[in-house]
Amino acid sequence: MTSEKIVILGTGGTIAGTASRASNNIDYTAAQLGISQLVDAVTGLEQKNYIHTEQLAQIDSKDMSFAVWTALASRVQHHLSQPDVQGVVITHGTDTLEETAYFLQRVLNPTKPVVLTCAMRPASSLGADGPQNILDAVTVAKFPGAQGVVAVCAGVIHSAFDVQKVHTYQLNAFGSGDAGVIGFIEENSLKLVRNWPVAHQIQALAAPENIAILNALEVWPQVEIVMNYAGATGAMVDALLATGVQGLVVAGTGNGTVHQTLEAALLRAQTQGVQVLRASRCPQGRVLARADDLFPSSNGLSPVKVRIALMLRLMGLAP
């Protein structure tokens, strides 16, 4: 059987949110409408028999949890393993979309497309952007040759490795930094400007084992983020050490620079067996390693993504 089915998983978010007035784009409640309601409202999809929906969660993405991530990875892998499924679309809140996208890419390494989409306006808004974003996401999921985890918002396709929320209010709220976007959706057609995320067949075959490990975990490794700033101290690091933290990511200034007092605290943590990685709080650019670095760099990942990478490493799911 040829691949033709598109599965749309709902997790809540602003895209499923409602407000008391159509003119209200801020004071709304997220995750109020079910995924079938959202898809039925998309002109052009309501009669498509190749679309299958499933409500996986119903949350505001600021409250995203490891339990939802595990369930989401499990269901995505289940659907991708079906021969008749061409791709999976996930409706998601914008606040943690970049983290979920990176997590799914690292755990699943899918050879089929997994497309996260979202909205910056609730479904009740006069200018609701969710329906167009869902239609665009399905267009991407159906595109021949599409692979890996990507995010689609405001007609733009971002790689899971690079996507980052860069604006609090505008409809085009995401960027891909120096790497640039994958492409654009224009009138239901794709214009690609670079390659899809690399999908390694061997790594993709390990996805069921990765999910089995996630399902067996009772507690995920504790990895926290601390930030460097003028006058930074080691107080936060010392407090986290008392909680049994296993990993720390420091969001450094500039090229991952760290205040000498904070640096001393991080070195103390490192001597106690805590893994420390260094990223930058700058939204663009990457930390360039130097010979005298005291902490390994993030290999270009943002602080929130390198935190996920470190958690996976501590689980034994990543090198």
C-alpha atoms as a PDB file:
ATOM      1  CA  MET A   1       0.000   0.000   0.000  1.00  0.00           C
ATOM      2  CA  THR A   2       1.374   3.418  -0.921  1.00  0.00           C
ATOM      3  CA  SER A   3       1.836   6.161   1.652  1.00  0.00           C
ATOM      4  CA  GLU A   4      -1.075   8.570   1.489  1.00  0.00           C
ATOM      5  CA  LYS A   5      -2.471   9.094   4.978  1.00  0.00           C
ATOM      6  CA  ILE A   6      -1.667  12.246   6.984  1.00  0.00           C
ATOM      7  CA  VAL A   7      -2.153  11.926  10.753  1.00  0.00           C
ATOM      8  CA  ILE A   8      -2.775  15.130  12.704  1.00  0.00           C
ATOM      9  CA  LEU A   9      -2.095  14.950  16.446  1.00  0.00           C
ATOM     10  CA  GLY A  10      -3.534  17.656  18.697  1.00  0.00           C
ATOM     11  CA  THR A  11      -1.769  18.816  21.858  1.00  0.00           C
ATOM     12  CA  GLY A  12      -3.618  22.069  22.608  1.00  0.00           C
ATOM     13  CA  GLY A  13      -1.933  25.471  22.530  1.00  0.00           C
ATOM     14  CA  THR A  14      -3.083  28.878  21.315  1.00  0.00           C
ATOM     15  CA  ILE A  15      -4.140  27.331  18.030  1.00  0.00           C
ATOM     16  CA  ALA A  16      -6.909  25.586  20.018  1.00  0.00           C
ATOM     17  CA  GLY A  17      -7.567  28.557  22.300  1.00  0.00           C
ATOM     18  CA  THR A  18     -10.633  30.777  22.645  1.00  0.00           C
ATOM     19  CA  ALA A  19     -11.383  34.219  24.061  1.00  0.00           C
ATOM     20  CA  SER A  20     -14.626  35.903  25.083  1.00  0.00           C
ATOM     21  CA  ARG A  21     -14.283  38.434  22.253  1.00  0.00           C
ATOM     22  CA  ALA A  22     -13.073  37.955  18.698  1.00  0.00           C
ATOM     23  CA  SER A  23     -10.979  41.103  18.997  1.00  0.00           C
ATOM     24  CA  ASN A  24      -9.029  39.735  21.977  1.00  0.00           C
ATOM     25  CA  ASN A  25      -5.708  38.155  20.980  1.00  0.00           C
ATOM     26  CA  ILE A  26      -4.037  38.136  24.409  1.00  0.00           C
ATOM     27  CA  ASP A  27      -6.572  37.414  27.139  1.00  0.00           C
ATOM     28  CA  TYR A  28      -7.621  33.957  25.955  1.00  0.00           C
ATOM     29  CA  THR A  29      -7.568  30.413  27.304  1.00  0.00           C
ATOM     30  CA  ALA A  30      -5.381  27.972  25.389  1.00  0.00           C
ATOM     31  CA  ALA A  31      -6.329  24.385  24.541  1.00  0.00           C
ATOM     32  CA  GLN A  32     -10.122  24.669  24.404  1.00  0.00           C
ATOM     33  CA  LEU A  33     -10.995  23.144  21.016  1.00  0.00           C
ATOM     34  CA  GLY A  34     -10.359  19.558  19.981  1.00  0.00           C
ATOM     35  CA  ILE A  35      -8.216  18.655  17.008  1.00  0.00           C
ATOM     36  CA  SER A  36     -11.207  17.465  14.966  1.00  0.00           C
ATOM     37  CA  GLN A  37     -12.857  20.876  15.442  1.00  0.00           C
ATOM     38  CA  LEU A  38      -9.712  22.636  14.295  1.00  0.00           C
ATOM     39  CA  VAL A  39      -9.310  20.502  11.176  1.00  0.00           C
ATOM     40  CA  ASP A  40     -13.002  20.778  10.274  1.00  0.00           C
ATOM     41  CA  ALA A  41     -12.577  24.565  10.248  1.00  0.00           C
ATOM     42  CA  VAL A  42      -9.803  24.437   7.639  1.00  0.00           C
ATOM     43  CA  THR A  43     -11.253  25.081   4.207  1.00  0.00           C
ATOM     44  CA  GLY A  44      -9.886  22.465   1.871  1.00  0.00           C
ATOM     45  CA  LEU A  45      -9.363  19.760   4.487  1.00  0.00           C
ATOM     46  CA  GLU A  46     -12.853  19.140   5.840  1.00  0.00           C
ATOM     47  CA  GLN A  47     -13.686  16.584   3.139  1.00  0.00           C
ATOM     48  CA  LYS A  48     -10.274  14.961   2.764  1.00  0.00           C
ATOM     49  CA  ASN A  49     -10.504  11.265   3.621  1.00  0.00           C
ATOM     50  CA  TYR A  50      -6.712  10.928   3.849  1.00  0.00           C
ATOM     51  CA  ILE A  51      -6.696  13.106   6.995  1.00  0.00           C
ATOM     52  CA  HIS A  52      -6.894  11.272  10.333  1.00  0.00           C
ATOM     53  CA  THR A  53      -6.962  13.127  13.645  1.00  0.00           C
ATOM     54  CA  GLU A  54      -6.053  12.120  17.183  1.00  0.00           C
ATOM     55  CA  GLN A  55      -6.176  14.144  20.401  1.00  0.00           C
ATOM     56  CA  LEU A  56      -2.989  13.337  22.269  1.00  0.00           C
ATOM     57  CA  ALA A  57      -3.018  16.101  24.882  1.00  0.00           C
ATOM     58  CA  GLN A  58      -4.879  19.326  25.638  1.00  0.00           C
ATOM     59  CA  ILE A  59      -2.472  21.735  27.328  1.00  0.00           C
ATOM     60  CA  ASP A  60      -0.993  25.199  27.167  1.00  0.00           C
ATOM     61  CA  SER A  61       2.508  24.494  25.861  1.00  0.00           C
ATOM     62  CA  LYS A  62       4.087  26.529  28.657  1.00  0.00           C
ATOM     63  CA  ASP A  63       3.062  23.531  30.768  1.00  0.00           C
ATOM     64  CA  MET A  64       4.681  20.939  28.486  1.00  0.00           C
ATOM     65  CA  SER A  65       5.844  17.908  30.467  1.00  0.00           C
ATOM     66  CA  PHE A  66       8.160  14.951  29.996  1.00  0.00           C
ATOM     67  CA  ALA A  67       5.125  12.661  30.187  1.00  0.00           C
ATOM     68  CA  VAL A  68       3.513  14.369  27.203  1.00  0.00           C
ATOM     69  CA  TRP A  69       6.802  14.249  25.302  1.00  0.00           C
ATOM     70  CA  THR A  70       7.067  10.507  25.897  1.00  0.00           C
ATOM     71  CA  ALA A  71       3.478   9.898  24.810  1.00  0.00           C
ATOM     72  CA  LEU A  72       3.926  12.114  21.770  1.00  0.00           C
ATOM     73  CA  ALA A  73       7.113  10.350  20.658  1.00  0.00           C
ATOM     74  CA  SER A  74       5.394   6.992  21.080  1.00  0.00           C
ATOM     75  CA  ARG A  75       2.361   7.931  18.990  1.00  0.00           C
ATOM     76  CA  VAL A  76       4.398   9.640  16.284  1.00  0.00           C
ATOM     77  CA  GLN A  77       6.614   6.575  15.955  1.00  0.00           C
ATOM     78  CA  HIS A  78       3.555   4.303  15.866  1.00  0.00           C
ATOM     79  CA  HIS A  79       1.996   6.238  13.004  1.00  0.00           C
ATOM     80  CA  LEU A  80       5.228   6.661  11.059  1.00  0.00           C
ATOM     81  CA  SER A  81       5.737   2.897  11.132  1.00  0.00           C
ATOM     82  CA  GLN A  82       2.455   2.356   9.253  1.00  0.00           C
ATOM     83  CA  PRO A  83       3.090   1.859   5.511  1.00  0.00           C
ATOM     84  CA  ASP A  84       0.071   3.950   4.498  1.00  0.00           C
ATOM     85  CA  VAL A  85       1.097   6.994   6.562  1.00  0.00           C
ATOM     86  CA  GLN A  86       2.974   9.612   4.565  1.00  0.00           C
ATOM     87  CA  GLY A  87       3.586  12.030   7.429  1.00  0.00           C
ATOM     88  CA  VAL A  88       2.474  13.367  10.791  1.00  0.00           C
ATOM     89  CA  VAL A  89       1.338  16.887  11.671  1.00  0.00           C
ATOM     90  CA  ILE A  90       1.308  18.080  15.298  1.00  0.00           C
ATOM     91  CA  THR A  91      -0.626  21.133  16.466  1.00  0.00           C
ATOM     92  CA  HIS A  92       1.306  22.695  19.329  1.00  0.00           C
ATOM     93  CA  GLY A  93       1.595  25.832  21.411  1.00  0.00           C
ATOM     94  CA  THR A  94       4.304  28.277  20.350  1.00  0.00           C
ATOM     95  CA  ASP A  95       6.025  28.677  23.739  1.00  0.00           C
ATOM     96  CA  THR A  96       7.835  25.319  23.791  1.00  0.00           C
ATOM     97  CA  LEU A  97       7.437  24.257  20.162  1.00  0.00           C
ATOM     98  CA  GLU A  98      11.163  24.552  19.473  1.00  0.00           C
ATOM     99  CA  GLU A  99      11.947  22.203  22.368  1.00  0.00           C
ATOM    100  CA  THR A 100       9.390  19.579  21.341  1.00  0.00           C
ATOM    101  CA  ALA A 101      10.603  19.718  17.744  1.00  0.00           C
ATOM    102  CA  TYR A 102      14.231  19.165  18.731  1.00  0.00           C
ATOM    103  CA  PHE A 103      13.306  16.392  21.183  1.00  0.00           C
ATOM    104  CA  LEU A 104      11.344  14.483  18.527  1.00  0.00           C
ATOM    105  CA  GLN A 105      14.110  14.892  15.964  1.00  0.00           C
ATOM    106  CA  ARG A 106      16.750  13.540  18.318  1.00  0.00           C
ATOM    107  CA  VAL A 107      14.667  10.620  19.607  1.00  0.00           C
ATOM    108  CA  LEU A 108      12.994   9.557  16.347  1.00  0.00           C
ATOM    109  CA  ASN A 109      15.312  10.727  13.531  1.00  0.00           C
ATOM    110  CA  PRO A 110      12.339  10.190  11.206  1.00  0.00           C
ATOM    111  CA  THR A 111      12.738   9.424   7.526  1.00  0.00           C
ATOM    112  CA  LYS A 112       9.167  10.648   6.976  1.00  0.00           C
ATOM    113  CA  PRO A 113       8.050  14.232   7.688  1.00  0.00           C
ATOM    114  CA  VAL A 114       6.886  15.268  11.151  1.00  0.00           C
ATOM    115  CA  VAL A 115       5.509  18.805  10.960  1.00  0.00           C
ATOM    116  CA  LEU A 116       4.785  20.908  14.042  1.00  0.00           C
ATOM    117  CA  THR A 117       2.474  23.844  13.519  1.00  0.00           C
ATOM    118  CA  CYS A 118       0.926  26.441  15.777  1.00  0.00           C
ATOM    119  CA  ALA A 119      -0.786  29.817  15.951  1.00  0.00           C
ATOM    120  CA  MET A 120      -0.133  33.219  17.459  1.00  0.00           C
ATOM    121  CA  ARG A 121      -3.848  34.065  17.572  1.00  0.00           C
ATOM    122  CA  PRO A 122      -6.562  31.971  19.246  1.00  0.00           C
ATOM    123  CA  ALA A 123      -9.106  30.122  17.138  1.00  0.00           C
ATOM    124  CA  SER A 124     -11.761  32.677  18.134  1.00  0.00           C
ATOM    125  CA  SER A 125      -9.758  35.630  16.773  1.00  0.00           C
ATOM    126  CA  LEU A 126     -10.845  37.788  13.853  1.00  0.00           C
ATOM    127  CA  GLY A 127      -7.383  37.139  12.445  1.00  0.00           C
ATOM    128  CA  ALA A 128      -6.936  33.506  13.448  1.00  0.00           C
ATOM    129  CA  ASP A 129      -3.791  32.144  11.785  1.00  0.00           C
ATOM    130  CA  GLY A 130      -4.276  28.535  12.834  1.00  0.00           C
ATOM    131  CA  PRO A 131      -6.327  27.309   9.846  1.00  0.00           C
ATOM    132  CA  GLN A 132      -3.779  28.497   7.276  1.00  0.00           C
ATOM    133  CA  ASN A 133      -0.917  27.089   9.341  1.00  0.00           C
ATOM    134  CA  ILE A 134      -2.619  23.684   9.519  1.00  0.00           C
ATOM    135  CA  LEU A 135      -3.234  23.705   5.762  1.00  0.00           C
ATOM    136  CA  ASP A 136       0.411  24.653   5.157  1.00  0.00           C
ATOM    137  CA  ALA A 137       1.609  21.932   7.525  1.00  0.00           C
ATOM    138  CA  VAL A 138      -0.386  19.287   5.644  1.00  0.00           C
ATOM    139  CA  THR A 139       1.057  20.596   2.371  1.00  0.00           C
ATOM    140  CA  VAL A 140       4.563  20.118   3.768  1.00  0.00           C
ATOM    141  CA  ALA A 141       3.755  16.647   5.135  1.00  0.00           C
ATOM    142  CA  LYS A 142       2.513  15.574   1.690  1.00  0.00           C
ATOM    143  CA  PHE A 143       5.500  16.963  -0.192  1.00  0.00           C
ATOM    144  CA  PRO A 144       7.554  14.238  -1.972  1.00  0.00           C
ATOM    145  CA  GLY A 145      10.942  13.843  -0.346  1.00  0.00           C
ATOM    146  CA  ALA A 146      10.068  15.683   2.863  1.00  0.00           C
ATOM    147  CA  GLN A 147      11.730  14.159   5.930  1.00  0.00           C
ATOM    148  CA  GLY A 148      12.673  14.903   9.494  1.00  0.00           C
ATOM    149  CA  VAL A 149      11.037  17.149  12.058  1.00  0.00           C
ATOM    150  CA  VAL A 150      10.202  20.661  10.926  1.00  0.00           C
ATOM    151  CA  ALA A 151       8.090  23.557  12.144  1.00  0.00           C
ATOM    152  CA  VAL A 152       5.681  25.485   9.938  1.00  0.00           C
ATOM    153  CA  CYS A 153       4.374  28.922  10.876  1.00  0.00           C
ATOM    154  CA  ALA A 154       3.278  31.922   8.785  1.00  0.00           C
ATOM    155  CA  GLY A 155       4.186  30.220   5.531  1.00  0.00           C
ATOM    156  CA  VAL A 156       7.773  29.433   6.592  1.00  0.00           C
ATOM    157  CA  ILE A 157       9.440  26.027   7.107  1.00  0.00           C
ATOM    158  CA  HIS A 158      12.058  25.747   9.863  1.00  0.00           C
ATOM    159  CA  SER A 159      14.310  22.824  10.790  1.00  0.00           C
ATOM    160  CA  ALA A 160      13.910  21.389  14.281  1.00  0.00           C
ATOM    161  CA  PHE A 161      17.621  21.994  14.833  1.00  0.00           C
ATOM    162  CA  ASP A 162      17.382  25.735  14.196  1.00  0.00           C
ATOM    163  CA  VAL A 163      13.848  26.921  14.939  1.00  0.00           C
ATOM    164  CA  GLN A 164      13.478  29.445  17.751  1.00  0.00           C
ATOM    165  CA  LYS A 165      10.627  31.665  18.873  1.00  0.00           C
ATOM    166  CA  VAL A 166      11.877  35.210  18.346  1.00  0.00           C
ATOM    167  CA  HIS A 167       8.794  37.395  18.824  1.00  0.00           C
ATOM    168  CA  THR A 168       6.110  37.566  21.499  1.00  0.00           C
ATOM    169  CA  TYR A 169       3.207  38.734  19.334  1.00  0.00           C
ATOM    170  CA  GLN A 170       3.773  38.859  15.573  1.00  0.00           C
ATOM    171  CA  LEU A 171       2.271  36.107  13.410  1.00  0.00           C
ATOM    172  CA  ASN A 172       5.702  35.312  11.988  1.00  0.00           C
ATOM    173  CA  ALA A 173       7.102  34.603  15.444  1.00  0.00           C
ATOM    174  CA  PHE A 174       9.834  32.089  14.557  1.00  0.00           C
ATOM    175  CA  GLY A 175      13.305  32.326  13.083  1.00  0.00           C
ATOM    176  CA  SER A 176      16.109  29.973  12.112  1.00  0.00           C
ATOM    177  CA  GLY A 177      19.072  32.203  12.882  1.00  0.00           C
ATOM    178  CA  ASP A 178      22.200  32.012  10.752  1.00  0.00           C
ATOM    179  CA  ALA A 179      21.209  28.614   9.335  1.00  0.00           C
ATOM    180  CA  GLY A 180      18.225  30.062   7.511  1.00  0.00           C
ATOM    181  CA  VAL A 181      14.835  28.564   6.797  1.00  0.00           C
ATOM    182  CA  ILE A 182      14.209  25.403   4.798  1.00  0.00           C
ATOM    183  CA  GLY A 183      11.654  27.041   2.563  1.00  0.00           C
ATOM    184  CA  PHE A 184       8.292  28.690   2.113  1.00  0.00           C
ATOM    185  CA  ILE A 185       4.723  27.651   1.369  1.00  0.00           C
ATOM    186  CA  GLU A 186       3.224  29.848  -1.331  1.00  0.00           C
ATOM    187  CA  GLU A 187      -0.341  29.169  -2.531  1.00  0.00           C
ATOM    188  CA  ASN A 188      -0.180  25.505  -1.463  1.00  0.00           C
ATOM    189  CA  SER A 189       3.185  25.003  -3.188  1.00  0.00           C
ATOM    190  CA  LEU A 190       6.623  24.644  -1.639  1.00  0.00           C
ATOM    191  CA  LYS A 191       9.686  26.703  -2.451  1.00  0.00           C
ATOM    192  CA  LEU A 192      12.754  25.089  -0.910  1.00  0.00           C
ATOM    193  CA  VAL A 193      15.931  27.067  -0.260  1.00  0.00           C
ATOM    194  CA  ARG A 194      17.949  24.381   1.550  1.00  0.00           C
ATOM    195  CA  ASN A 195      17.824  20.695   2.458  1.00  0.00           C
ATOM    196  CA  TRP A 196      15.477  18.932   4.842  1.00  0.00           C
ATOM    197  CA  PRO A 197      16.885  17.815   8.228  1.00  0.00           C
ATOM    198  CA  VAL A 198      19.171  14.837   7.624  1.00  0.00           C
ATOM    199  CA  ALA A 199      17.390  11.540   8.281  1.00  0.00           C
ATOM    200  CA  HIS A 200      19.743   8.640   9.019  1.00  0.00           C
ATOM    201  CA  GLN A 201      18.076   5.306   8.339  1.00  0.00           C
ATOM    202  CA  ILE A 202      20.203   3.506  10.959  1.00  0.00           C
ATOM    203  CA  GLN A 203      19.387   6.106  13.617  1.00  0.00           C
ATOM    204  CA  ALA A 204      15.708   6.004  12.672  1.00  0.00           C
ATOM    205  CA  LEU A 205      15.682   2.247  13.295  1.00  0.00           C
ATOM    206  CA  ALA A 206      16.712   2.933  16.900  1.00  0.00           C
ATOM    207  CA  ALA A 207      13.540   4.963  17.579  1.00  0.00           C
ATOM    208  CA  PRO A 208      11.528   2.060  19.111  1.00  0.00           C
ATOM    209  CA  GLU A 209      14.411   1.322  21.498  1.00  0.00           C
ATOM    210  CA  ASN A 210      14.636   5.003  22.436  1.00  0.00           C
ATOM    211  CA  ILE A 211      10.919   5.116  23.184  1.00  0.00           C
ATOM    212  CA  ALA A 212      11.161   1.947  25.272  1.00  0.00           C
ATOM    213  CA  ILE A 213      13.837   3.630  27.386  1.00  0.00           C
ATOM    214  CA  LEU A 214      11.692   6.750  27.789  1.00  0.00           C
ATOM    215  CA  ASN A 215       8.659   4.711  28.822  1.00  0.00           C
ATOM    216  CA  ALA A 216      10.720   2.836  31.406  1.00  0.00           C
ATOM    217  CA  LEU A 217      12.053   6.002  33.036  1.00  0.00           C
ATOM    218  CA  GLU A 218      10.388   6.941  36.295  1.00  0.00           C
ATOM    219  CA  VAL A 219      12.350  10.186  36.655  1.00  0.00           C
ATOM    220  CA  TRP A 220      14.147  12.117  33.937  1.00  0.00           C
ATOM    221  CA  PRO A 221      17.659  13.441  34.629  1.00  0.00           C
ATOM    222  CA  GLN A 222      17.586  16.851  36.284  1.00  0.00           C
ATOM    223  CA  VAL A 223      19.261  19.354  33.990  1.00  0.00           C
ATOM    224  CA  GLU A 224      18.841  23.072  34.649  1.00  0.00           C
ATOM    225  CA  ILE A 225      19.792  26.309  32.883  1.00  0.00           C
ATOM    226  CA  VAL A 226      21.618  29.189  34.554  1.00  0.00           C
ATOM    227  CA  MET A 227      22.322  32.529  32.884  1.00  0.00           C
ATOM    228  CA  ASN A 228      25.334  34.781  32.912  1.00  0.00           C
ATOM    229  CA  TYR A 229      24.843  38.524  33.431  1.00  0.00           C
ATOM    230  CA  ALA A 230      26.584  41.473  35.044  1.00  0.00           C
ATOM    231  CA  GLY A 231      27.275  40.665  38.687  1.00  0.00           C
ATOM    232  CA  ALA A 232      26.293  37.009  38.333  1.00  0.00           C
ATOM    233  CA  THR A 233      27.066  34.872  41.382  1.00  0.00           C
ATOM    234  CA  GLY A 234      27.229  31.161  42.039  1.00  0.00           C
ATOM    235  CA  ALA A 235      24.217  31.160  44.335  1.00  0.00           C
ATOM    236  CA  MET A 236      21.901  29.492  41.822  1.00  0.00           C
ATOM    237  CA  VAL A 237      24.464  26.791  41.063  1.00  0.00           C
ATOM    238  CA  ASP A 238      25.016  26.057  44.746  1.00  0.00           C
ATOM    239  CA  ALA A 239      21.257  25.856  45.322  1.00  0.00           C
ATOM    240  CA  LEU A 240      20.858  23.442  42.421  1.00  0.00           C
ATOM    241  CA  LEU A 241      23.708  21.280  43.685  1.00  0.00           C
ATOM    242  CA  ALA A 242      21.763  20.864  46.909  1.00  0.00           C
ATOM    243  CA  THR A 243      18.829  19.449  44.904  1.00  0.00           C
ATOM    244  CA  GLY A 244      20.968  16.769  43.256  1.00  0.00           C
ATOM    245  CA  VAL A 245      21.138  18.347  39.808  1.00  0.00           C
ATOM    246  CA  GLN A 246      22.897  16.122  37.257  1.00  0.00           C
ATOM    247  CA  GLY A 247      23.572  18.584  34.482  1.00  0.00           C
ATOM    248  CA  LEU A 248      23.866  22.340  34.019  1.00  0.00           C
ATOM    249  CA  VAL A 249      23.681  24.495  30.925  1.00  0.00           C
ATOM    250  CA  VAL A 250      25.061  27.989  31.260  1.00  0.00           C
ATOM    251  CA  ALA A 251      23.560  30.558  28.894  1.00  0.00           C
ATOM    252  CA  GLY A 252      26.661  32.688  28.639  1.00  0.00           C
ATOM    253  CA  THR A 253      27.030  36.215  27.400  1.00  0.00           C
ATOM    254  CA  GLY A 254      28.464  36.791  23.919  1.00  0.00           C
ATOM    255  CA  ASN A 255      30.591  33.859  22.827  1.00  0.00           C
ATOM    256  CA  GLY A 256      29.541  31.837  25.863  1.00  0.00           C
ATOM    257  CA  THR A 257      31.470  33.972  28.336  1.00  0.00           C
ATOM    258  CA  VAL A 258      30.869  33.433  32.057  1.00  0.00           C
ATOM    259  CA  HIS A 259      31.387  35.775  35.044  1.00  0.00           C
ATOM    260  CA  GLN A 260      34.353  34.635  37.131  1.00  0.00           C
ATOM    261  CA  THR A 261      32.211  34.033  40.233  1.00  0.00           C
ATOM    262  CA  LEU A 262      29.649  31.977  38.334  1.00  0.00           C
ATOM    263  CA  GLU A 263      32.490  30.165  36.581  1.00  0.00           C
ATOM    264  CA  ALA A 264      33.981  29.158  39.937  1.00  0.00           C
ATOM    265  CA  ALA A 265      30.640  27.719  41.036  1.00  0.00           C
ATOM    266  CA  LEU A 266      30.286  25.790  37.769  1.00  0.00           C
ATOM    267  CA  LEU A 267      33.776  24.369  38.228  1.00  0.00           C
ATOM    268  CA  ARG A 268      32.779  23.211  41.720  1.00  0.00           C
ATOM    269  CA  ALA A 269      29.753  21.522  40.221  1.00  0.00           C
ATOM    270  CA  GLN A 270      31.901  19.871  37.578  1.00  0.00           C
ATOM    271  CA  THR A 271      34.248  18.424  40.204  1.00  0.00           C
ATOM    272  CA  GLN A 272      31.192  16.904  41.903  1.00  0.00           C
ATOM    273  CA  GLY A 273      30.294  14.990  38.746  1.00  0.00           C
ATOM    274  CA  VAL A 274      27.761  17.427  37.300  1.00  0.00           C
ATOM    275  CA  GLN A 275      28.044  17.757  33.513  1.00  0.00           C
ATOM    276  CA  VAL A 276      28.296  21.398  32.438  1.00  0.00           C
ATOM    277  CA  LEU A 277      27.726  22.669  28.888  1.00  0.00           C
ATOM    278  CA  ARG A 278      28.095  26.210  27.633  1.00  0.00           C
ATOM    279  CA  ALA A 279      25.729  27.997  25.257  1.00  0.00           C
ATOM    280  CA  SER A 280      25.021  31.653  24.520  1.00  0.00           C
ATOM    281  CA  ARG A 281      22.057  33.791  25.471  1.00  0.00           C
ATOM    282  CA  CYS A 282      22.462  35.592  22.103  1.00  0.00           C
ATOM    283  CA  PRO A 283      19.608  34.643  19.759  1.00  0.00           C
ATOM    284  CA  GLN A 284      21.909  34.387  16.739  1.00  0.00           C
ATOM    285  CA  GLY A 285      25.371  32.991  16.160  1.00  0.00           C
ATOM    286  CA  ARG A 286      27.025  30.031  17.829  1.00  0.00           C
ATOM    287  CA  VAL A 287      29.626  29.576  20.556  1.00  0.00           C
ATOM    288  CA  LEU A 288      33.056  29.229  18.957  1.00  0.00           C
ATOM    289  CA  ALA A 289      35.338  26.983  20.981  1.00  0.00           C
ATOM    290  CA  ARG A 290      38.742  28.148  22.246  1.00  0.00           C
ATOM    291  CA  ALA A 291      41.725  26.126  23.417  1.00  0.00           C
ATOM    292  CA  ASP A 292      41.404  27.379  27.001  1.00  0.00           C
ATOM    293  CA  ASP A 293      37.668  26.670  27.410  1.00  0.00           C
ATOM    294  CA  LEU A 294      36.781  25.219  30.805  1.00  0.00           C
ATOM    295  CA  PHE A 295      33.392  23.842  29.673  1.00  0.00           C
ATOM    296  CA  PRO A 296      32.357  22.155  26.406  1.00  0.00           C
ATOM    297  CA  SER A 297      30.264  24.274  24.044  1.00  0.00           C
ATOM    298  CA  SER A 298      26.753  23.576  22.790  1.00  0.00           C
ATOM    299  CA  ASN A 299      27.703  22.918  19.146  1.00  0.00           C
ATOM    300  CA  GLY A 300      25.452  25.733  18.033  1.00  0.00           C
ATOM    301  CA  LEU A 301      22.372  24.726  20.016  1.00  0.00           C
ATOM    302  CA  SER A 302      20.343  27.241  22.003  1.00  0.00           C
ATOM    303  CA  PRO A 303      20.318  26.829  25.797  1.00  0.00           C
ATOM    304  CA  VAL A 304      16.913  25.088  25.835  1.00  0.00           C
ATOM    305  CA  LYS A 305      17.937  22.638  23.120  1.00  0.00           C
ATOM    306  CA  VAL A 306      21.329  21.799  24.580  1.00  0.00           C
ATOM    307  CA  ARG A 307      19.492  21.074  27.834  1.00  0.00           C
ATOM    308  CA  ILE A 308      17.474  18.433  25.979  1.00  0.00           C
ATOM    309  CA  ALA A 309      20.627  17.059  24.358  1.00  0.00           C
ATOM    310  CA  LEU A 310      22.266  16.726  27.771  1.00  0.00           C
ATOM    311  CA  MET A 311      19.209  14.990  29.258  1.00  0.00           C
ATOM    312  CA  LEU A 312      19.221  12.493  26.395  1.00  0.00           C
ATOM    313  CA  ARG A 313      22.941  11.912  26.915  1.00  0.00           C
ATOM    314  CA  LEU A 314      22.384  11.222  30.593  1.00  0.00           C
ATOM    315  CA  MET A 315      19.651   8.743  29.636  1.00  0.00           C
ATOM    316  CA  GLY A 316      22.040   6.971  27.300  1.00  0.00           C
ATOM    317  CA  LEU A 317      20.030   8.010  24.229  1.00  0.00           C
ATOM    318  CA  ALA A 318      22.695  10.241  22.691  1.00  0.00           C
ATOM    319  CA  PRO A 319      26.492  10.346  22.493  1.00  0.00           C
END
